[in-house]
Amino acid sequence: MVANPFVAVSKFVVRNELDEEVAAAFLARPHLVDDEEGFIRMEVLRGYETPKEFWLLTYWSDEQSYRTWHRGHTYKASHAGIPRGLKLEKGSASVTLFEKICD
C-alpha cells in the first residue's frame, strides 16, 4: 500500500428518478479504471438518508496517475454506462482532491 495515497472524491445528486439505474450502473461498471497505472481502488457511496446523492472515492498512488487517467480515453469509455436521460441537480457535481493522511 502506498504511504500517502492521492484520493479524488466526486459527488453528484440525481435530479430525476434514475437513482436506482445509477446504482445499478455502478454495480455493472466495466472496471476499466482498475488496470490504470497508479490506481489503487474505488468506493462508491450512496446517501443513506439521501439516496439520490452519490459519492465516488478513487484512490491513487499519486496525483499524476489520476490526472493522466482523467484526461484519457479510458475515463471517457468508463462513463458509457451512464443511464440515458440522467439529470443532475444543478451545482451538485464536484470533484475534490485529497492526500490521505492515515486510516
Protein backbone atom coordinates (compact mmCIF):
# COMPACT_ATOMS: atom_id res chain seq x y z
CA MET A 1 0.00 0.00 0.00
CA VAL A 2 1.18 3.49 -0.83
CA ALA A 3 2.14 5.51 2.27
CA ASN A 4 0.04 8.59 1.42
CA PRO A 5 -2.26 7.86 -1.50
CA PHE A 6 -3.94 10.56 -3.51
CA VAL A 7 -7.75 10.47 -3.30
CA ALA A 8 -10.22 12.02 -5.72
CA VAL A 9 -13.71 12.41 -4.26
CA SER A 10 -16.53 13.04 -6.72
CA LYS A 11 -20.07 13.89 -5.66
CA PHE A 12 -23.34 14.38 -7.51
CA VAL A 13 -27.07 14.36 -6.82
CA VAL A 14 -29.54 12.78 -9.24
CA ARG A 15 -32.36 15.20 -10.06
CA ASN A 16 -34.77 12.81 -11.77
CA GLU A 17 -35.94 9.31 -10.82
CA LEU A 18 -32.91 7.45 -12.19
CA ASP A 19 -31.05 6.93 -8.91
CA GLU A 20 -31.70 3.16 -8.94
CA GLU A 21 -30.39 2.97 -12.51
CA VAL A 22 -27.28 4.91 -11.48
CA ALA A 23 -26.67 2.48 -8.61
CA ALA A 24 -27.14 -0.47 -10.99
CA ALA A 25 -24.71 1.11 -13.48
CA PHE A 26 -22.02 1.31 -10.80
CA LEU A 27 -22.61 -2.33 -9.85
CA ALA A 28 -22.24 -3.30 -13.52
CA ARG A 29 -19.35 -0.94 -14.25
CA PRO A 30 -16.77 -2.24 -16.73
CA HIS A 31 -13.85 -1.82 -14.28
CA LEU A 32 -11.79 0.00 -16.93
CA VAL A 33 -10.02 2.10 -14.32
CA ASP A 34 -8.85 -0.97 -12.40
CA ASP A 35 -5.85 -1.58 -14.66
CA GLU A 36 -4.74 2.05 -14.91
CA GLU A 37 -1.25 2.97 -13.75
CA GLY A 38 -1.33 4.13 -10.13
CA PHE A 39 -4.95 3.09 -9.46
CA ILE A 40 -5.46 1.50 -6.03
CA ARG A 41 -9.21 1.16 -5.52
CA MET A 42 -12.60 2.80 -5.90
CA GLU A 43 -15.50 3.07 -3.47
CA VAL A 44 -19.00 4.19 -4.45
CA LEU A 45 -21.22 5.50 -1.68
CA ARG A 46 -24.87 6.50 -1.69
CA GLY A 47 -26.52 8.74 0.86
CA TYR A 48 -28.39 6.61 3.39
CA GLU A 49 -30.87 9.38 4.10
CA THR A 50 -30.37 10.99 0.67
CA PRO A 51 -30.36 8.07 -1.82
CA LYS A 52 -30.11 10.39 -4.82
CA GLU A 53 -26.68 11.57 -3.59
CA PHE A 54 -23.64 9.60 -4.80
CA TRP A 55 -20.00 9.87 -3.75
CA LEU A 56 -17.11 8.21 -5.58
CA LEU A 57 -13.75 7.83 -3.89
CA THR A 58 -10.87 6.78 -6.11
CA TYR A 59 -7.51 6.06 -4.52
CA TRP A 60 -4.30 6.55 -6.49
CA SER A 61 -0.62 6.15 -5.78
CA ASP A 62 -0.06 9.76 -6.92
CA GLU A 63 -1.83 12.77 -8.37
CA GLN A 64 -0.23 12.45 -11.82
CA SER A 65 -1.69 8.95 -12.30
CA TYR A 66 -5.17 10.29 -11.55
CA ARG A 67 -4.76 13.25 -13.91
CA THR A 68 -3.42 11.04 -16.73
CA TRP A 69 -6.41 8.70 -16.39
CA HIS A 70 -8.87 11.61 -16.14
CA ARG A 71 -7.62 13.05 -19.46
CA GLY A 72 -7.51 9.68 -21.23
CA HIS A 73 -9.84 7.64 -23.39
CA THR A 74 -10.43 5.06 -20.62
CA TYR A 75 -12.05 7.77 -18.47
CA LYS A 76 -14.48 8.63 -21.25
CA ALA A 77 -15.20 4.96 -22.02
CA SER A 78 -15.84 4.21 -18.35
CA HIS A 79 -18.82 6.57 -18.44
CA ALA A 80 -20.59 4.74 -21.28
CA GLY A 81 -22.94 3.02 -18.81
CA ILE A 82 -24.47 6.26 -17.54
CA PRO A 83 -28.26 5.86 -17.78
CA ARG A 84 -29.81 7.73 -20.70
CA GLY A 85 -31.81 10.73 -19.58
CA LEU A 86 -29.88 11.16 -16.32
CA LYS A 87 -30.29 14.64 -14.89
CA LEU A 88 -28.21 16.02 -12.01
CA GLU A 89 -29.13 18.70 -9.51
CA LYS A 90 -27.64 21.94 -10.72
CA GLY A 91 -24.35 22.65 -8.98
CA SER A 92 -24.25 19.27 -7.23
CA ALA A 93 -21.40 17.75 -9.25
CA SER A 94 -17.97 18.32 -7.79
CA VAL A 95 -14.53 16.74 -7.55
CA THR A 96 -12.32 17.39 -4.54
CA LEU A 97 -8.73 16.15 -4.33
CA PHE A 98 -7.14 14.90 -1.11
CA GLU A 99 -3.98 13.42 0.30
CA LYS A 100 -4.79 10.54 2.62
CA ILE A 101 -3.03 11.04 5.97
CA CYS A 102 -3.98 7.86 7.89
CA ASP A 103 -6.57 5.11 8.39
